[in-house]
PDB file of N, CA and C in Angstrom:
ATOM      1  N   ARG A   1     121.117  -1.361  75.131  1.00  0.00           N
ATOM      2  CA  ARG A   1     119.663  -0.072  75.137  1.00  0.00           C
ATOM      3  C   ARG A   1     120.319   0.944  75.410  1.00  0.00           C
ATOM      4  N   ARG A   2     120.950   1.092  76.974  1.00  0.00           N
ATOM      5  CA  ARG A   2     121.503   2.412  77.312  1.00  0.00           C
ATOM      6  C   ARG A   2     122.504   3.103  76.871  1.00  0.00           C
ATOM      7  N   ARG A   3     123.118   2.143  76.334  1.00  0.00           N
ATOM      8  CA  ARG A   3     124.137   2.617  75.364  1.00  0.00           C
ATOM      9  C   ARG A   3     123.659   3.355  73.831  1.00  0.00           C
ATOM     10  N   LEU A   4     122.709   2.626  73.275  1.00  0.00           N
ATOM     11  CA  LEU A   4     121.832   3.417  72.316  1.00  0.00           C
ATOM     12  C   LEU A   4     121.126   4.762  72.911  1.00  0.00           C
ATOM     13  N   ARG A   5     120.694   4.967  74.121  1.00  0.00           N
ATOM     14  CA  ARG A   5     120.169   5.857  74.893  1.00  0.00           C
ATOM     15  C   ARG A   5     120.855   7.125  74.699  1.00  0.00           C
ATOM     16  N   ARG A   6     122.263   6.914  75.257  1.00  0.00           N
ATOM     17  CA  ARG A   6     123.110   7.866  75.504  1.00  0.00           C
ATOM     18  C   ARG A   6     123.610   8.216  74.374  1.00  0.00           C
ATOM     19  N   ARG A   7     123.944   7.661  73.179  1.00  0.00           N
ATOM     20  CA  ARG A   7     124.148   8.627  71.922  1.00  0.00           C
ATOM     21  C   ARG A   7     123.579   9.022  71.267  1.00  0.00           C
ATOM     22  N   ARG A   8     122.104   8.817  71.565  1.00  0.00           N
ATOM     23  CA  ARG A   8     121.483   9.426  70.444  1.00  0.00           C
ATOM     24  C   ARG A   8     120.581  10.954  71.570  1.00  0.00           C
ATOM     25  N   ARG A   9     120.886  11.051  72.698  1.00  0.00           N
ATOM     26  CA  ARG A   9     120.950  12.287  73.691  1.00  0.00           C
ATOM     27  C   ARG A   9     121.922  13.233  72.690  1.00  0.00           C
ATOM     28  N   HIS A  10     123.112  12.514  72.508  1.00  0.00           N
ATOM     29  CA  HIS A  10     124.492  13.767  72.990  1.00  0.00           C
ATOM     30  C   HIS A  10     124.582  14.068  70.766  1.00  0.00           C
ATOM     31  N   ALA A  11     123.900  12.887  70.377  1.00  0.00           N
ATOM     32  CA  ALA A  11     123.935  13.236  68.861  1.00  0.00           C
ATOM     33  C   ALA A  11     123.529  14.315  67.941  1.00  0.00           C
ATOM     34  N   PRO A  12     122.196  15.257  69.042  1.00  0.00           N
ATOM     35  CA  PRO A  12     121.674  16.209  68.456  1.00  0.00           C
ATOM     36  C   PRO A  12     122.365  17.434  68.770  1.00  0.00           C
ATOM     37  N   ARG A  13     122.874  17.255  70.080  1.00  0.00           N
ATOM     38  CA  ARG A  13     123.952  18.103  70.016  1.00  0.00           C
ATOM     39  C   ARG A  13     124.970  18.983  69.380  1.00  0.00           C
ATOM     40  N   THR A  14     125.686  17.653  68.805  1.00  0.00           N
ATOM     41  CA  THR A  14     126.788  18.050  67.946  1.00  0.00           C
ATOM     42  C   THR A  14     126.073  18.281  66.590  1.00  0.00           C
ATOM     43  N   TYR A  15     125.157  17.885  66.605  1.00  0.00           N
ATOM     44  CA  TYR A  15     124.435  18.225  64.761  1.00  0.00           C
ATOM     45  C   TYR A  15     124.139  19.639  64.888  1.00  0.00           C
ATOM     46  N   SER A  16     123.840  20.270  65.459  1.00  0.00           N
ATOM     47  CA  SER A  16     122.829  21.427  65.958  1.00  0.00           C
ATOM     48  C   SER A  16     123.927  22.412  65.899  1.00  0.00           C
ATOM     49  N   ARG A  17     125.580  21.833  66.404  1.00  0.00           N
ATOM     50  CA  ARG A  17     126.752  22.856  66.211  1.00  0.00           C
ATOM     51  C   ARG A  17     127.251  22.979  65.247  1.00  0.00           C
ATOM     52  N   ARG A  18     127.323  21.324  64.323  1.00  0.00           N
ATOM     53  CA  ARG A  18     127.869  21.249  63.106  1.00  0.00           C
ATOM     54  C   ARG A  18     126.483  22.465  61.964  1.00  0.00           C
ATOM     55  N   TYR A  19     125.672  22.315  62.422  1.00  0.00           N
ATOM     56  CA  TYR A  19     124.925  22.828  61.297  1.00  0.00           C
ATOM     57  C   TYR A  19     125.002  24.260  61.770  1.00  0.00           C
ATOM     58  N   LYS A  20     125.049  24.855  62.682  1.00  0.00           N
ATOM     59  CA  LYS A  20     125.377  26.586  63.006  1.00  0.00           C
ATOM     60  C   LYS A  20     126.307  26.621  62.462  1.00  0.00           C
ATOM     61  N   VAL A  21     127.731  25.781  62.172  1.00  0.00           N
ATOM     62  CA  VAL A  21     128.736  26.003  61.729  1.00  0.00           C
ATOM     63  C   VAL A  21     128.935  26.473  60.205  1.00  0.00           C
ATOM     64  N   CYS A  22     127.525  24.859  59.548  1.00  0.00           N
ATOM     65  CA  CYS A  22     128.241  25.307  58.161  1.00  0.00           C
ATOM     66  C   CYS A  22     127.016  26.702  57.914  1.00  0.00           C
ATOM     67  N   SER A  23     125.506  26.332  58.369  1.00  0.00           N
ATOM     68  CA  SER A  23     124.881  27.978  58.039  1.00  0.00           C
ATOM     69  C   SER A  23     125.953  29.171  57.809  1.00  0.00           C
ATOM     70  N   TRP A  24     126.687  29.049  59.102  1.00  0.00           N
ATOM     71  CA  TRP A  24     127.713  30.534  58.984  1.00  0.00           C
ATOM     72  C   TRP A  24     128.447  30.561  57.802  1.00  0.00           C
ATOM     73  N   ILE A  25     129.387  29.555  57.406  1.00  0.00           N
ATOM     74  CA  ILE A  25     129.958  29.557  56.527  1.00  0.00           C
ATOM     75  C   ILE A  25     128.958  29.339  55.308  1.00  0.00           C
ATOM     76  N   ALA A  26     127.669  29.043  54.993  1.00  0.00           N
ATOM     77  CA  ALA A  26     127.133  29.347  53.840  1.00  0.00           C
ATOM     78  C   ALA A  26     126.737  31.236  53.585  1.00  0.00           C
ATOM     79  N   ILE A  27     126.411  31.575  54.955  1.00  0.00           N
ATOM     80  CA  ILE A  27     126.319  32.857  54.875  1.00  0.00           C
ATOM     81  C   ILE A  27     127.734  33.462  54.590  1.00  0.00           C
ATOM     82  N   ILE A  28     128.543  33.263  54.829  1.00  0.00           N
ATOM     83  CA  ILE A  28     129.855  34.031  54.515  1.00  0.00           C
ATOM     84  C   ILE A  28     129.850  34.031  53.285  1.00  0.00           C
ATOM     85  N   PHE A  29     129.969  32.740  52.541  1.00  0.00           N
ATOM     86  CA  PHE A  29     130.213  32.585  51.279  1.00  0.00           C
ATOM     87  C   PHE A  29     129.195  33.531  50.557  1.00  0.00           C
ATOM     88  N   CYS A  30     128.237  33.119  50.873  1.00  0.00           N
ATOM     89  CA  CYS A  30     127.353  34.026  49.634  1.00  0.00           C
ATOM     90  C   CYS A  30     127.301  35.032  50.331  1.00  0.00           C
ATOM     91  N   ALA A  31     127.555  35.865  51.074  1.00  0.00           N
ATOM     92  CA  ALA A  31     127.936  37.459  51.186  1.00  0.00           C
ATOM     93  C   ALA A  31     129.535  37.725  50.317  1.00  0.00           C
ATOM     94  N   GLN A  32     130.255  36.767  50.366  1.00  0.00           N
ATOM     95  CA  GLN A  32     131.577  37.110  48.977  1.00  0.00           C
ATOM     96  C   GLN A  32     131.070  37.311  47.677  1.00  0.00           C
ATOM     97  N   SER A  33     130.165  36.012  47.519  1.00  0.00           N
ATOM     98  CA  SER A  33     129.710  36.106  45.913  1.00  0.00           C
ATOM     99  C   SER A  33     129.058  36.995  45.686  1.00  0.00           C
ATOM    100  N   LEU A  34     128.561  37.829  46.692  1.00  0.00           N
ATOM    101  CA  LEU A  34     127.672  39.150  46.123  1.00  0.00           C
ATOM    102  C   LEU A  34     128.654  40.501  46.161  1.00  0.00           C
ATOM    103  N   ALA A  35     129.522  40.303  47.283  1.00  0.00           N
ATOM    104  CA  ALA A  35     130.313  41.154  46.964  1.00  0.00           C
ATOM    105  C   ALA A  35     131.367  41.398  45.399  1.00  0.00           C
ATOM    106  N   ASN A  36     131.472  39.883  45.281  1.00  0.00           N
ATOM    107  CA  ASN A  36     132.279  39.497  43.901  1.00  0.00           C
ATOM    108  C   ASN A  36     131.419  39.734  42.513  1.00  0.00           C
ATOM    109  N   MET A  37     129.921  39.864  42.992  1.00  0.00           N
ATOM    110  CA  MET A  37     129.135  39.719  41.712  1.00  0.00           C
ATOM    111  C   MET A  37     129.045  41.218  41.440  1.00  0.00           C
ATOM    112  N   LYS A  38     129.216  42.034  42.610  1.00  0.00           N
ATOM    113  CA  LYS A  38     129.146  43.688  42.588  1.00  0.00           C
ATOM    114  C   LYS A  38     130.263  44.447  42.129  1.00  0.00           C
ATOM    115  N   ASN A  39     131.516  43.997  42.214  1.00  0.00           N
ATOM    116  CA  ASN A  39     132.844  44.174  41.947  1.00  0.00           C
ATOM    117  C   ASN A  39     133.017  43.541  40.217  1.00  0.00           C
ATOM    118  N   PHE A  40     132.373  42.727  40.279  1.00  0.00           N
ATOM    119  CA  PHE A  40     132.713  42.485  38.128  1.00  0.00           C
ATOM    120  C   PHE A  40     131.455  43.449  37.720  1.00  0.00           C
ATOM    121  N   GLU A  41     130.177  43.428  38.120  1.00  0.00           N
ATOM    122  CA  GLU A  41     129.385  44.664  37.558  1.00  0.00           C
ATOM    123  C   GLU A  41     130.191  45.614  37.346  1.00  0.00           C
ATOM    124  N   ASN A  42     131.000  46.277  38.153  1.00  0.00           N
ATOM    125  CA  ASN A  42     131.497  47.686  38.107  1.00  0.00           C
ATOM    126  C   ASN A  42     133.014  47.167  37.227  1.00  0.00           C
ATOM    127  N   ASP A  43     133.304  46.329  36.810  1.00  0.00           N
ATOM    128  CA  ASP A  43     134.425  46.338  36.511  1.00  0.00           C
ATOM    129  C   ASP A  43     133.876  46.378  34.794  1.00  0.00           C
ATOM    130  N   LEU A  44     133.049  45.513  34.689  1.00  0.00           N
ATOM    131  CA  LEU A  44     132.340  45.577  33.308  1.00  0.00           C
ATOM    132  C   LEU A  44     132.079  47.359  32.927  1.00  0.00           C
ATOM    133  N   LYS A  45     130.978  47.796  34.073  1.00  0.00           N
ATOM    134  CA  LYS A  45     130.742  49.132  33.367  1.00  0.00           C
ATOM    135  C   LYS A  45     132.343  50.099  33.193  1.00  0.00           C
ATOM    136  N   GLN A  46     133.129  49.789  34.128  1.00  0.00           N
ATOM    137  CA  GLN A  46     134.378  50.907  34.016  1.00  0.00           C
ATOM    138  C   GLN A  46     135.138  49.882  32.163  1.00  0.00           C
ATOM    139  N   LEU A  47     134.827  48.640  31.798  1.00  0.00           N
ATOM    140  CA  LEU A  47     135.253  48.258  30.855  1.00  0.00           C
ATOM    141  C   LEU A  47     134.358  49.247  29.555  1.00  0.00           C
ATOM    142  N   SER A  48     133.282  48.674  29.470  1.00  0.00           N
ATOM    143  CA  SER A  48     132.310  49.483  28.693  1.00  0.00           C
ATOM    144  C   SER A  48     132.278  50.928  28.814  1.00  0.00           C
ATOM    145  N   MET A  49     132.939  51.182  29.724  1.00  0.00           N
ATOM    146  CA  MET A  49     133.236  52.983  29.515  1.00  0.00           C
ATOM    147  C   MET A  49     134.237  53.363  28.970  1.00  0.00           C
ATOM    148  N   ALA A  50     135.362  52.558  29.228  1.00  0.00           N
ATOM    149  CA  ALA A  50     136.792  52.854  28.677  1.00  0.00           C
ATOM    150  C   ALA A  50     136.661  52.459  26.859  1.00  0.00           C
ATOM    151  N   PHE A  51     135.737  51.624  26.454  1.00  0.00           N
ATOM    152  CA  PHE A  51     135.785  50.995  25.132  1.00  0.00           C
ATOM    153  C   PHE A  51     134.391  51.860  24.460  1.00  0.00           C
ATOM    154  N   MET A  52     133.491  52.754  24.864  1.00  0.00           N
ATOM    155  CA  MET A  52     132.988  54.191  24.458  1.00  0.00           C
ATOM    156  C   MET A  52     134.184  54.662  24.293  1.00  0.00           C
TER     157      MET A  52
END
């Protein structure tokens, strides 16, 4: 029983660290995707102006 209690105490700390890392990675990927969408929109505008 003591071993289970010790493991439960250490588990949430590692989980919170992993959760923070995953959240930061998700934020970075979202920012990159938004930047890529803006660049894609600019490229479409340039192509449309070139064809016009």
